[in-house]
N, C-alpha and C. Protein backbone atom coordinates (compact mmCIF):
# COMPACT_ATOMS: atom_id res chain seq x y z
N MET A 1 5.31 -39.51 56.53
CA MET A 1 5.48 -38.11 56.18
C MET A 1 5.98 -37.01 57.27
N SER A 2 7.14 -36.16 57.28
CA SER A 2 7.27 -35.21 58.18
C SER A 2 6.26 -34.69 58.90
N ASP A 3 6.57 -33.96 60.05
CA ASP A 3 5.39 -32.86 60.41
C ASP A 3 5.48 -31.62 59.25
N GLN A 4 6.64 -31.12 58.96
CA GLN A 4 6.98 -29.81 58.04
C GLN A 4 6.12 -30.34 56.91
N ALA A 5 6.16 -31.50 56.36
CA ALA A 5 5.91 -31.81 55.18
C ALA A 5 4.06 -31.67 55.06
N SER A 6 3.93 -32.57 56.00
CA SER A 6 2.42 -32.24 56.27
C SER A 6 1.58 -30.81 56.50
N ALA A 7 2.25 -30.14 56.96
CA ALA A 7 1.83 -28.59 57.43
C ALA A 7 2.21 -28.18 56.08
N ALA A 8 2.97 -28.60 54.98
CA ALA A 8 2.93 -27.68 53.69
C ALA A 8 1.77 -27.96 52.88
N VAL A 9 1.32 -29.26 53.18
CA VAL A 9 -0.01 -29.75 52.57
C VAL A 9 -1.49 -29.21 53.21
N ILE A 10 -1.49 -29.16 54.21
CA ILE A 10 -2.61 -28.71 55.06
C ILE A 10 -2.58 -27.15 54.58
N PRO A 11 -3.55 -26.79 54.31
CA PRO A 11 -3.52 -25.00 54.00
C PRO A 11 -3.72 -24.45 55.42
N THR A 12 -3.97 -24.71 56.41
CA THR A 12 -4.02 -23.96 57.61
C THR A 12 -3.12 -24.77 58.71
N THR A 13 -2.39 -24.05 59.22
CA THR A 13 -1.68 -24.54 60.40
C THR A 13 -2.35 -24.24 61.64
N ASN A 14 -3.54 -23.79 61.66
CA ASN A 14 -4.40 -23.70 63.21
C ASN A 14 -4.71 -25.21 63.34
N GLN A 15 -4.11 -25.68 64.38
CA GLN A 15 -4.18 -26.75 65.02
C GLN A 15 -5.75 -26.95 65.49
N ALA A 16 -6.24 -26.10 65.90
CA ALA A 16 -8.06 -26.20 66.45
C ALA A 16 -8.69 -26.41 64.90
N ASP A 17 -8.65 -25.86 64.24
CA ASP A 17 -9.15 -26.05 62.69
C ASP A 17 -8.65 -27.58 62.10
N ILE A 18 -7.86 -27.74 62.16
CA ILE A 18 -7.50 -28.96 61.72
C ILE A 18 -8.18 -30.36 62.66
N ASP A 19 -8.01 -30.10 63.82
CA ASP A 19 -8.79 -31.03 64.65
C ASP A 19 -10.17 -31.30 64.43
N GLU A 20 -10.95 -29.73 64.31
CA GLU A 20 -12.39 -30.00 63.89
C GLU A 20 -12.34 -30.63 62.78
N LEU A 21 -12.18 -30.10 61.89
CA LEU A 21 -11.91 -30.90 60.42
C LEU A 21 -11.86 -32.40 60.49
N ALA A 22 -10.88 -32.85 61.14
CA ALA A 22 -10.89 -34.60 61.51
C ALA A 22 -12.18 -35.03 62.17
N SER A 23 -12.72 -34.13 63.24
CA SER A 23 -13.67 -34.63 63.72
C SER A 23 -14.61 -34.86 63.26
N LEU A 24 -15.17 -33.71 62.52
CA LEU A 24 -16.46 -33.90 61.33
C LEU A 24 -16.14 -34.95 60.58
N CYS A 25 -14.97 -34.93 59.86
CA CYS A 25 -15.00 -36.36 58.86
C CYS A 25 -15.45 -37.48 59.28
N LYS A 26 -14.66 -37.77 60.94
CA LYS A 26 -14.70 -38.98 61.73
C LYS A 26 -16.52 -39.38 61.82
N ALA A 27 -17.35 -37.86 62.23
CA ALA A 27 -18.63 -38.04 62.33
C ALA A 27 -19.31 -38.63 60.83
N LEU A 28 -18.85 -38.24 60.10
CA LEU A 28 -19.66 -38.86 58.63
C LEU A 28 -18.72 -39.91 58.11
N ALA A 29 -17.67 -40.39 58.43
CA ALA A 29 -17.32 -41.70 58.20
C ALA A 29 -18.07 -43.18 58.28
N HIS A 30 -19.47 -43.28 58.34
CA HIS A 30 -20.15 -44.12 58.38
C HIS A 30 -21.16 -43.83 57.45
N PRO A 31 -21.77 -44.79 56.21
CA PRO A 31 -22.67 -44.61 55.51
C PRO A 31 -23.97 -44.22 55.74
N ALA A 32 -24.73 -45.30 57.03
CA ALA A 32 -25.86 -44.66 57.75
C ALA A 32 -26.17 -43.22 58.25
N ARG A 33 -24.56 -42.71 58.85
CA ARG A 33 -24.75 -41.28 59.03
C ARG A 33 -25.17 -40.16 57.96
N ILE A 34 -24.53 -40.80 56.70
CA ILE A 34 -24.52 -39.87 55.38
C ILE A 34 -25.96 -40.23 55.22
N LEU A 35 -26.61 -41.16 54.99
CA LEU A 35 -28.02 -41.26 54.36
C LEU A 35 -28.83 -40.45 55.85
N ILE A 36 -28.66 -40.54 56.92
CA ILE A 36 -29.25 -39.57 57.84
C ILE A 36 -29.20 -38.38 57.60
N LEU A 37 -28.04 -37.85 57.38
CA LEU A 37 -27.85 -36.43 57.06
C LEU A 37 -28.78 -35.99 55.55
N LYS A 38 -28.65 -36.61 54.56
CA LYS A 38 -29.35 -36.46 53.52
C LYS A 38 -30.97 -36.54 53.94
N HIS A 39 -31.21 -37.53 54.45
CA HIS A 39 -32.85 -37.56 54.79
C HIS A 39 -33.05 -36.18 55.55
N LEU A 40 -32.19 -35.54 56.35
CA LEU A 40 -32.69 -34.36 57.35
C LEU A 40 -32.60 -33.50 56.37
N LEU A 41 -31.90 -33.13 55.46
CA LEU A 41 -31.73 -32.04 54.88
C LEU A 41 -32.99 -32.08 53.59
N ALA A 42 -33.18 -33.14 53.24
CA ALA A 42 -34.33 -33.38 52.48
C ALA A 42 -35.89 -32.98 53.40
N GLU A 43 -35.83 -33.55 54.25
CA GLU A 43 -37.04 -33.42 54.89
C GLU A 43 -37.01 -31.84 55.94
N LYS A 44 -35.90 -31.26 55.97
CA LYS A 44 -35.61 -30.01 57.09
C LYS A 44 -35.84 -30.55 58.56
N GLN A 45 -36.55 -31.41 58.72
CA GLN A 45 -36.60 -31.79 60.20
C GLN A 45 -37.29 -33.10 60.34
N CYS A 46 -37.24 -33.92 61.03
CA CYS A 46 -37.49 -35.52 61.38
C CYS A 46 -37.64 -36.09 62.52
N ILE A 47 -38.46 -36.74 62.89
CA ILE A 47 -38.61 -37.27 64.27
C ILE A 47 -37.86 -38.60 64.09
N CYS A 48 -36.82 -38.93 65.17
CA CYS A 48 -36.18 -39.97 64.94
C CYS A 48 -36.80 -41.69 64.50
N GLY A 49 -38.14 -41.60 64.92
CA GLY A 49 -39.05 -42.61 64.18
C GLY A 49 -38.97 -42.89 62.98
N ARG A 50 -39.04 -41.55 62.50
CA ARG A 50 -39.13 -41.41 60.99
C ARG A 50 -38.08 -42.10 60.21
N ILE A 51 -37.03 -41.65 60.82
CA ILE A 51 -35.57 -42.12 60.32
C ILE A 51 -35.62 -43.68 60.26
N VAL A 52 -36.24 -44.12 61.60
CA VAL A 52 -35.95 -45.70 61.79
C VAL A 52 -36.67 -46.62 60.65
N GLU A 53 -37.74 -45.77 59.96
CA GLU A 53 -38.95 -46.44 59.31
C GLU A 53 -38.10 -46.42 57.73
N LEU A 54 -37.15 -45.78 57.39
CA LEU A 54 -36.64 -45.20 56.26
C LEU A 54 -35.28 -46.05 56.31
N LEU A 55 -34.50 -46.10 57.24
CA LEU A 55 -33.32 -47.21 57.04
C LEU A 55 -33.42 -48.43 57.68
N PRO A 56 -32.89 -49.51 57.46
CA PRO A 56 -32.83 -50.85 57.82
C PRO A 56 -32.12 -51.13 58.95
N LEU A 57 -32.25 -50.31 60.29
CA LEU A 57 -31.50 -50.66 61.40
C LEU A 57 -32.27 -50.27 62.22
N ALA A 58 -31.97 -50.71 63.41
CA ALA A 58 -32.90 -50.97 64.95
C ALA A 58 -32.53 -49.41 65.25
N GLN A 59 -33.79 -49.18 66.04
CA GLN A 59 -34.07 -47.75 66.93
C GLN A 59 -32.49 -47.55 67.33
N SER A 60 -32.22 -48.52 68.29
CA SER A 60 -30.79 -47.92 68.81
C SER A 60 -29.69 -47.62 68.10
N THR A 61 -29.63 -48.40 66.81
CA THR A 61 -28.66 -47.89 66.28
C THR A 61 -28.71 -46.92 65.60
N VAL A 62 -29.86 -46.39 64.87
CA VAL A 62 -30.13 -45.21 64.65
C VAL A 62 -29.85 -43.95 65.71
N SER A 63 -30.29 -44.24 66.63
CA SER A 63 -29.90 -43.46 68.00
C SER A 63 -28.87 -42.72 68.47
N GLN A 64 -27.84 -44.24 68.30
CA GLN A 64 -26.44 -43.88 68.19
C GLN A 64 -25.62 -43.20 66.99
N HIS A 65 -26.30 -43.19 65.91
CA HIS A 65 -25.67 -42.68 65.22
C HIS A 65 -26.20 -41.04 65.07
N LEU A 66 -27.27 -40.70 65.42
CA LEU A 66 -27.82 -39.25 65.53
C LEU A 66 -26.99 -38.98 66.38
N LYS A 67 -26.67 -39.81 67.62
CA LYS A 67 -25.74 -39.07 69.04
C LYS A 67 -24.63 -38.69 68.64
N ILE A 68 -23.82 -39.44 67.58
CA ILE A 68 -22.50 -38.98 67.08
C ILE A 68 -22.60 -37.66 66.25
N LEU A 69 -23.85 -37.57 65.53
CA LEU A 69 -23.85 -36.52 64.64
C LEU A 69 -24.08 -35.08 65.27
N LYS A 70 -24.92 -35.61 66.48
CA LYS A 70 -24.80 -34.22 67.24
C LYS A 70 -23.93 -33.78 68.13
N GLU A 71 -23.12 -34.68 68.71
CA GLU A 71 -21.78 -34.33 69.39
C GLU A 71 -21.05 -33.45 68.47
N SER A 72 -21.04 -34.04 66.77
CA SER A 72 -20.20 -33.61 65.78
C SER A 72 -20.62 -32.33 65.87
N GLY A 73 -21.75 -31.69 66.06
CA GLY A 73 -22.37 -30.19 65.79
C GLY A 73 -23.32 -30.20 64.81
N LEU A 74 -23.24 -31.63 63.52
CA LEU A 74 -23.54 -31.13 62.35
C LEU A 74 -25.32 -31.74 62.53
N VAL A 75 -25.89 -32.13 63.69
CA VAL A 75 -27.24 -32.29 63.74
C VAL A 75 -27.65 -31.91 65.14
N GLN A 76 -28.63 -30.88 65.26
CA GLN A 76 -29.05 -30.52 66.32
C GLN A 76 -30.92 -31.20 66.73
N GLY A 77 -30.92 -31.19 67.87
CA GLY A 77 -32.13 -32.14 68.30
C GLY A 77 -32.84 -31.21 69.24
N GLU A 78 -34.27 -31.29 69.09
CA GLU A 78 -35.02 -30.93 70.30
C GLU A 78 -35.93 -31.55 70.27
N VAL A 79 -36.54 -31.75 72.05
CA VAL A 79 -37.48 -32.35 72.51
C VAL A 79 -38.94 -31.65 72.14
N GLU A 80 -39.59 -32.58 71.27
CA GLU A 80 -41.34 -32.07 71.00
C GLU A 80 -42.21 -33.36 71.74
N GLY A 81 -42.27 -32.62 72.82
CA GLY A 81 -43.58 -33.97 73.37
C GLY A 81 -42.54 -34.60 73.76
N PRO A 82 -42.80 -36.13 73.45
CA PRO A 82 -42.31 -37.43 73.91
C PRO A 82 -41.15 -37.78 72.80
N LYS A 83 -41.01 -36.99 71.74
CA LYS A 83 -39.85 -37.23 70.80
C LYS A 83 -38.85 -36.24 70.72
N MET A 84 -37.98 -36.75 69.78
CA MET A 84 -36.94 -36.02 69.51
C MET A 84 -37.08 -35.36 68.11
N CYS A 85 -36.70 -34.14 67.66
CA CYS A 85 -36.99 -33.53 66.57
C CYS A 85 -35.29 -33.06 66.06
N TYR A 86 -35.22 -33.65 64.56
CA TYR A 86 -33.46 -33.32 64.48
C TYR A 86 -33.75 -32.54 63.22
N CYS A 87 -32.85 -31.70 63.09
CA CYS A 87 -32.27 -30.74 61.70
C CYS A 87 -30.60 -30.58 61.74
N VAL A 88 -30.36 -30.41 60.23
CA VAL A 88 -29.14 -30.32 60.05
C VAL A 88 -28.40 -28.91 60.48
N ASP A 89 -27.42 -29.01 60.87
CA ASP A 89 -27.05 -27.23 61.18
C ASP A 89 -26.34 -26.84 59.56
N LYS A 90 -27.06 -26.35 59.04
CA LYS A 90 -26.28 -26.16 57.69
C LYS A 90 -24.92 -25.14 57.62
N THR A 91 -24.83 -24.22 58.87
CA THR A 91 -23.73 -23.65 58.70
C THR A 91 -22.29 -24.36 59.20
N LYS A 92 -22.57 -25.40 59.86
CA LYS A 92 -21.42 -26.72 60.31
C LYS A 92 -21.48 -27.39 59.11
N LEU A 93 -22.15 -27.72 58.27
CA LEU A 93 -22.20 -28.42 56.82
C LEU A 93 -21.17 -27.64 55.96
N ALA A 94 -21.84 -26.50 55.80
CA ALA A 94 -21.14 -25.47 55.24
C ALA A 94 -19.59 -25.37 55.38
N SER A 95 -19.15 -25.42 56.71
CA SER A 95 -17.53 -25.18 57.08
C SER A 95 -16.88 -26.65 56.75
N ILE A 96 -17.57 -27.69 56.53
CA ILE A 96 -17.10 -28.66 56.14
C ILE A 96 -16.43 -28.64 54.88
N SER A 97 -17.55 -28.11 54.06
CA SER A 97 -17.35 -27.84 52.66
C SER A 97 -16.33 -27.04 52.03
N THR A 98 -16.31 -25.44 53.24
CA THR A 98 -14.83 -24.88 52.67
C THR A 98 -14.10 -25.58 53.28
N ALA A 99 -13.80 -26.13 54.38
CA ALA A 99 -12.43 -26.83 54.94
C ALA A 99 -11.72 -27.79 54.01
N MET A 100 -12.74 -28.78 53.41
CA MET A 100 -12.37 -29.77 52.21
C MET A 100 -11.84 -29.12 51.14
N SER A 101 -12.51 -28.07 50.54
CA SER A 101 -12.28 -27.22 49.40
C SER A 101 -10.83 -26.65 49.97
N SER A 102 -10.73 -26.12 50.60
CA SER A 102 -9.26 -25.43 51.21
C SER A 102 -8.08 -26.71 51.19
N LEU A 103 -8.56 -27.74 51.98
CA LEU A 103 -7.64 -28.68 51.83
C LEU A 103 -7.22 -29.23 50.51
N PHE A 104 -8.02 -29.56 49.60
CA PHE A 104 -7.66 -30.13 48.26
C PHE A 104 -7.53 -29.01 47.22
N SER A 105 -7.63 -27.91 47.54
CA SER A 105 -7.25 -27.15 46.33
C SER A 105 -5.69 -27.04 46.57
N SER A 106 -5.17 -26.57 45.22
CA SER A 106 -3.60 -26.44 45.38
C SER A 106 -3.27 -25.19 45.63
N GLU A 107 -1.99 -24.97 45.77
CA GLU A 107 -1.36 -23.66 46.44
C GLU A 107 -1.66 -22.73 45.52
N ASP A 108 -1.62 -23.04 43.85
CA ASP A 108 -1.67 -22.28 42.68
C ASP A 108 -3.28 -21.41 42.96
N ASP A 109 -4.26 -22.11 43.30
CA ASP A 109 -5.62 -22.08 43.26
C ASP A 109 -5.87 -20.86 44.45
N GLN A 110 -4.96 -20.84 45.65
CA GLN A 110 -5.25 -19.91 46.72
C GLN A 110 -4.98 -18.59 46.44
């Protein structure tokens, strides 16, 4: 597909928006990260150790997934004593929903 054809498909021509959406999609591109997000949304916040109890993954693997989610801005983390407490950035999550809806809506819908 040529650059002109792809620009017609994607509703925005702002490269920064396109890059951010791609980055967020990449952060969600693993089933464990989606499960972590679902858990954090249900719990409102969660200590990393609790996430490890719920998933059949090693602590180091969960920490790596949380790091990727934090770097994308989807998850925020705060130190509470000796532990990290995580929560979902609902504004960032809503921005993905809006961008994806815009991406997949037809030009007639806009």
